[in-house]
PDB file of N, CA and C in Angstrom:
ATOM      1  N   MET A   1      14.489  18.331   4.643  1.00  0.00           N
ATOM      2  CA  MET A   1      13.350  17.611   4.115  1.00  0.00           C
ATOM      3  C   MET A   1      13.790  16.367   3.438  1.00  0.00           C
ATOM      4  N   SER A   2      13.270  15.294   3.826  1.00  0.00           N
ATOM      5  CA  SER A   2      13.602  14.025   3.148  1.00  0.00           C
ATOM      6  C   SER A   2      12.858  13.820   1.834  1.00  0.00           C
ATOM      7  N   ASP A   3      13.164  12.895   1.037  1.00  0.00           N
ATOM      8  CA  ASP A   3      12.471  12.657  -0.222  1.00  0.00           C
ATOM      9  C   ASP A   3      11.049  12.182  -0.036  1.00  0.00           C
ATOM     10  N   LEU A   4      10.745  11.582   1.171  1.00  0.00           N
ATOM     11  CA  LEU A   4       9.428  11.026   1.436  1.00  0.00           C
ATOM     12  C   LEU A   4       8.492  12.136   1.831  1.00  0.00           C
ATOM     13  N   ASN A   5       8.854  13.293   2.025  1.00  0.00           N
ATOM     14  CA  ASN A   5       8.063  14.483   2.489  1.00  0.00           C
ATOM     15  C   ASN A   5       7.868  15.293   1.317  1.00  0.00           C
ATOM     16  N   ARG A   6       7.748  14.642   0.058  1.00  0.00           N
ATOM     17  CA  ARG A   6       7.471  15.402  -1.172  1.00  0.00           C
ATOM     18  C   ARG A   6       6.390  14.707  -1.951  1.00  0.00           C
ATOM     19  N   GLY A   7       5.999  15.180  -3.053  1.00  0.00           N
ATOM     20  CA  GLY A   7       5.089  14.506  -3.909  1.00  0.00           C
ATOM     21  C   GLY A   7       3.765  14.405  -3.347  1.00  0.00           C
ATOM     22  N   ILE A   8       3.108  13.146  -3.269  1.00  0.00           N
ATOM     23  CA  ILE A   8       1.743  12.966  -2.852  1.00  0.00           C
ATOM     24  C   ILE A   8       1.673  13.180  -1.415  1.00  0.00           C
ATOM     25  N   MET A   9       2.666  12.954  -0.633  1.00  0.00           N
ATOM     26  CA  MET A   9       2.560  13.050   0.871  1.00  0.00           C
ATOM     27  C   MET A   9       3.189  14.395   1.378  1.00  0.00           C
ATOM     28  N   LYS A  10       2.467  15.392   1.093  1.00  0.00           N
ATOM     29  CA  LYS A  10       2.977  16.744   1.449  1.00  0.00           C
ATOM     30  C   LYS A  10       2.512  17.264   2.746  1.00  0.00           C
ATOM     31  N   PHE A  11       2.939  16.465   3.808  1.00  0.00           N
ATOM     32  CA  PHE A  11       2.542  16.919   5.178  1.00  0.00           C
ATOM     33  C   PHE A  11       3.685  16.686   6.049  1.00  0.00           C
ATOM     34  N   ASP A  12       3.727  17.394   7.081  1.00  0.00           N
ATOM     35  CA  ASP A  12       4.869  17.271   8.101  1.00  0.00           C
ATOM     36  C   ASP A  12       4.792  15.806   8.752  1.00  0.00           C
ATOM     37  N   GLY A  13       5.895  15.151   8.858  1.00  0.00           N
ATOM     38  CA  GLY A  13       5.928  13.851   9.410  1.00  0.00           C
ATOM     39  C   GLY A  13       5.596  12.684   8.500  1.00  0.00           C
ATOM     40  N   ALA A  14       5.581  12.966   7.150  1.00  0.00           N
ATOM     41  CA  ALA A  14       5.342  11.959   6.185  1.00  0.00           C
ATOM     42  C   ALA A  14       6.413  10.897   6.205  1.00  0.00           C
ATOM     43  N   ASP A  15       7.573  11.341   6.662  1.00  0.00           N
ATOM     44  CA  ASP A  15       8.725  10.376   6.572  1.00  0.00           C
ATOM     45  C   ASP A  15       8.963   9.580   7.875  1.00  0.00           C
ATOM     46  N   GLN A  16       7.966   9.595   8.830  1.00  0.00           N
ATOM     47  CA  GLN A  16       8.058   8.842   9.972  1.00  0.00           C
ATOM     48  C   GLN A  16       7.857   7.371   9.706  1.00  0.00           C
ATOM     49  N   PRO A  17       8.715   6.466  10.213  1.00  0.00           N
ATOM     50  CA  PRO A  17       8.625   5.071   9.905  1.00  0.00           C
ATOM     51  C   PRO A  17       7.173   4.476  10.158  1.00  0.00           C
ATOM     52  N   ILE A  18       6.411   4.905  11.122  1.00  0.00           N
ATOM     53  CA  ILE A  18       5.065   4.242  11.296  1.00  0.00           C
ATOM     54  C   ILE A  18       4.141   4.619  10.160  1.00  0.00           C
ATOM     55  N   ILE A  19       4.255   5.911   9.642  1.00  0.00           N
ATOM     56  CA  ILE A  19       3.470   6.280   8.522  1.00  0.00           C
ATOM     57  C   ILE A  19       3.883   5.549   7.230  1.00  0.00           C
ATOM     58  N   VAL A  20       5.141   5.378   6.948  1.00  0.00           N
ATOM     59  CA  VAL A  20       5.654   4.650   5.821  1.00  0.00           C
ATOM     60  C   VAL A  20       5.253   3.202   5.939  1.00  0.00           C
ATOM     61  N   GLY A  21       5.237   2.611   7.157  1.00  0.00           N
ATOM     62  CA  GLY A  21       4.824   1.169   7.333  1.00  0.00           C
ATOM     63  C   GLY A  21       3.398   0.949   7.104  1.00  0.00           C
ATOM     64  N   ILE A  22       2.527   1.910   7.648  1.00  0.00           N
ATOM     65  CA  ILE A  22       1.164   1.846   7.409  1.00  0.00           C
ATOM     66  C   ILE A  22       0.769   1.868   5.986  1.00  0.00           C
ATOM     67  N   SER A  23       1.336   2.956   5.234  1.00  0.00           N
ATOM     68  CA  SER A  23       0.984   3.088   3.884  1.00  0.00           C
ATOM     69  C   SER A  23       1.465   1.844   3.018  1.00  0.00           C
ATOM     70  N   ALA A  24       2.705   1.269   3.360  1.00  0.00           N
ATOM     71  CA  ALA A  24       3.181   0.102   2.644  1.00  0.00           C
ATOM     72  C   ALA A  24       2.255  -1.097   2.914  1.00  0.00           C
ATOM     73  N   ALA A  25       1.791  -1.273   4.089  1.00  0.00           N
ATOM     74  CA  ALA A  25       0.918  -2.310   4.409  1.00  0.00           C
ATOM     75  C   ALA A  25      -0.418  -2.219   3.689  1.00  0.00           C
ATOM     76  N   VAL A  26      -0.924  -1.055   3.546  1.00  0.00           N
ATOM     77  CA  VAL A  26      -2.207  -0.836   2.812  1.00  0.00           C
ATOM     78  C   VAL A  26      -1.990  -1.124   1.365  1.00  0.00           C
ATOM     79  N   ILE A  27      -0.912  -0.634   0.793  1.00  0.00           N
ATOM     80  CA  ILE A  27      -0.595  -0.926  -0.615  1.00  0.00           C
ATOM     81  C   ILE A  27      -0.450  -2.357  -0.905  1.00  0.00           C
ATOM     82  N   LEU A  28       0.451  -3.013  -0.106  1.00  0.00           N
ATOM     83  CA  LEU A  28       0.670  -4.378  -0.230  1.00  0.00           C
ATOM     84  C   LEU A  28      -0.574  -5.325  -0.049  1.00  0.00           C
ATOM     85  N   GLY A  29      -1.350  -4.906   1.002  1.00  0.00           N
ATOM     86  CA  GLY A  29      -2.552  -5.652   1.211  1.00  0.00           C
ATOM     87  C   GLY A  29      -3.567  -5.519   0.160  1.00  0.00           C
ATOM     88  N   SER A  30      -3.630  -4.420  -0.485  1.00  0.00           N
ATOM     89  CA  SER A  30      -4.559  -4.235  -1.642  1.00  0.00           C
ATOM     90  C   SER A  30      -4.152  -5.037  -2.783  1.00  0.00           C
ATOM     91  N   ILE A  31      -2.780  -5.083  -3.095  1.00  0.00           N
ATOM     92  CA  ILE A  31      -2.282  -5.850  -4.149  1.00  0.00           C
ATOM     93  C   ILE A  31      -2.542  -7.368  -3.885  1.00  0.00           C
ATOM     94  N   VAL A  32      -2.328  -7.891  -2.784  1.00  0.00           N
ATOM     95  CA  VAL A  32      -2.560  -9.207  -2.421  1.00  0.00           C
ATOM     96  C   VAL A  32      -4.125  -9.488  -2.525  1.00  0.00           C
ATOM     97  N   GLY A  33      -4.894  -8.652  -1.970  1.00  0.00           N
ATOM     98  CA  GLY A  33      -6.287  -8.857  -2.210  1.00  0.00           C
ATOM     99  C   GLY A  33      -6.809  -8.922  -3.699  1.00  0.00           C
ATOM    100  N   LEU A  34      -6.211  -8.041  -4.546  1.00  0.00           N
ATOM    101  CA  LEU A  34      -6.577  -8.081  -5.906  1.00  0.00           C
ATOM    102  C   LEU A  34      -6.101  -9.421  -6.532  1.00  0.00           C
ATOM    103  N   ILE A  35      -4.919  -9.892  -6.268  1.00  0.00           N
ATOM    104  CA  ILE A  35      -4.394 -11.112  -6.816  1.00  0.00           C
ATOM    105  C   ILE A  35      -5.310 -12.258  -6.353  1.00  0.00           C
ATOM    106  N   ILE A  36      -5.689 -12.331  -5.119  1.00  0.00           N
ATOM    107  CA  ILE A  36      -6.593 -13.379  -4.614  1.00  0.00           C
ATOM    108  C   ILE A  36      -8.044 -13.349  -5.373  1.00  0.00           C
ATOM    109  N   TRP A  37      -8.487 -12.093  -5.432  1.00  0.00           N
ATOM    110  CA  TRP A  37      -9.722 -11.920  -6.073  1.00  0.00           C
ATOM    111  C   TRP A  37      -9.695 -12.399  -7.612  1.00  0.00           C
ATOM    112  N   ALA A  38      -8.582 -11.966  -8.219  1.00  0.00           N
ATOM    113  CA  ALA A  38      -8.425 -12.324  -9.655  1.00  0.00           C
ATOM    114  C   ALA A  38      -8.253 -13.881  -9.879  1.00  0.00           C
ATOM    115  N   LEU A  39      -7.560 -14.567  -8.811  1.00  0.00           N
ATOM    116  CA  LEU A  39      -7.489 -15.987  -9.072  1.00  0.00           C
ATOM    117  C   LEU A  39      -8.797 -16.650  -8.698  1.00  0.00           C
ATOM    118  N   ASN A  40      -9.536 -16.196  -7.752  1.00  0.00           N
ATOM    119  CA  ASN A  40     -10.900 -16.774  -7.541  1.00  0.00           C
ATOM    120  C   ASN A  40     -11.810 -16.639  -8.680  1.00  0.00           C
ATOM    121  N   VAL A  41     -11.761 -15.490  -9.367  1.00  0.00           N
ATOM    122  CA  VAL A  41     -12.612 -15.240 -10.490  1.00  0.00           C
ATOM    123  C   VAL A  41     -12.129 -15.978 -11.709  1.00  0.00           C
ATOM    124  N   ALA A  42     -10.900 -16.123 -11.942  1.00  0.00           N
ATOM    125  CA  ALA A  42     -10.324 -16.749 -13.141  1.00  0.00           C
ATOM    126  C   ALA A  42     -10.453 -18.207 -13.041  1.00  0.00           C
ATOM    127  N   TYR A  43     -10.267 -18.864 -11.829  1.00  0.00           N
ATOM    128  CA  TYR A  43     -10.234 -20.310 -11.758  1.00  0.00           C
ATOM    129  C   TYR A  43     -11.332 -20.911 -10.909  1.00  0.00           C
ATOM    130  N   ALA A  44     -12.291 -20.033 -10.378  1.00  0.00           N
ATOM    131  CA  ALA A  44     -13.361 -20.460  -9.620  1.00  0.00           C
ATOM    132  C   ALA A  44     -12.981 -21.360  -8.506  1.00  0.00           C
ATOM    133  N   VAL A  45     -12.055 -21.013  -7.729  1.00  0.00           N
ATOM    134  CA  VAL A  45     -11.495 -21.811  -6.589  1.00  0.00           C
ATOM    135  C   VAL A  45     -12.274 -21.187  -5.378  1.00  0.00           C
ATOM    136  N   THR A  46     -12.827 -22.165  -4.603  1.00  0.00           N
ATOM    137  CA  THR A  46     -13.603 -21.738  -3.472  1.00  0.00           C
ATOM    138  C   THR A  46     -12.844 -21.961  -2.180  1.00  0.00           C
TER     139      THR A  46
END
């Protein structure tokens, strides 16, 4: 069992590269979205 198959992702195949890539893209995309939203709210850039 790899380290990626523990913790919050307790299912078989959690260490597959495609699953890791998708979850990384979702996390990074949400961070980028929050940064863009915060900049738009703070500086009223349209």
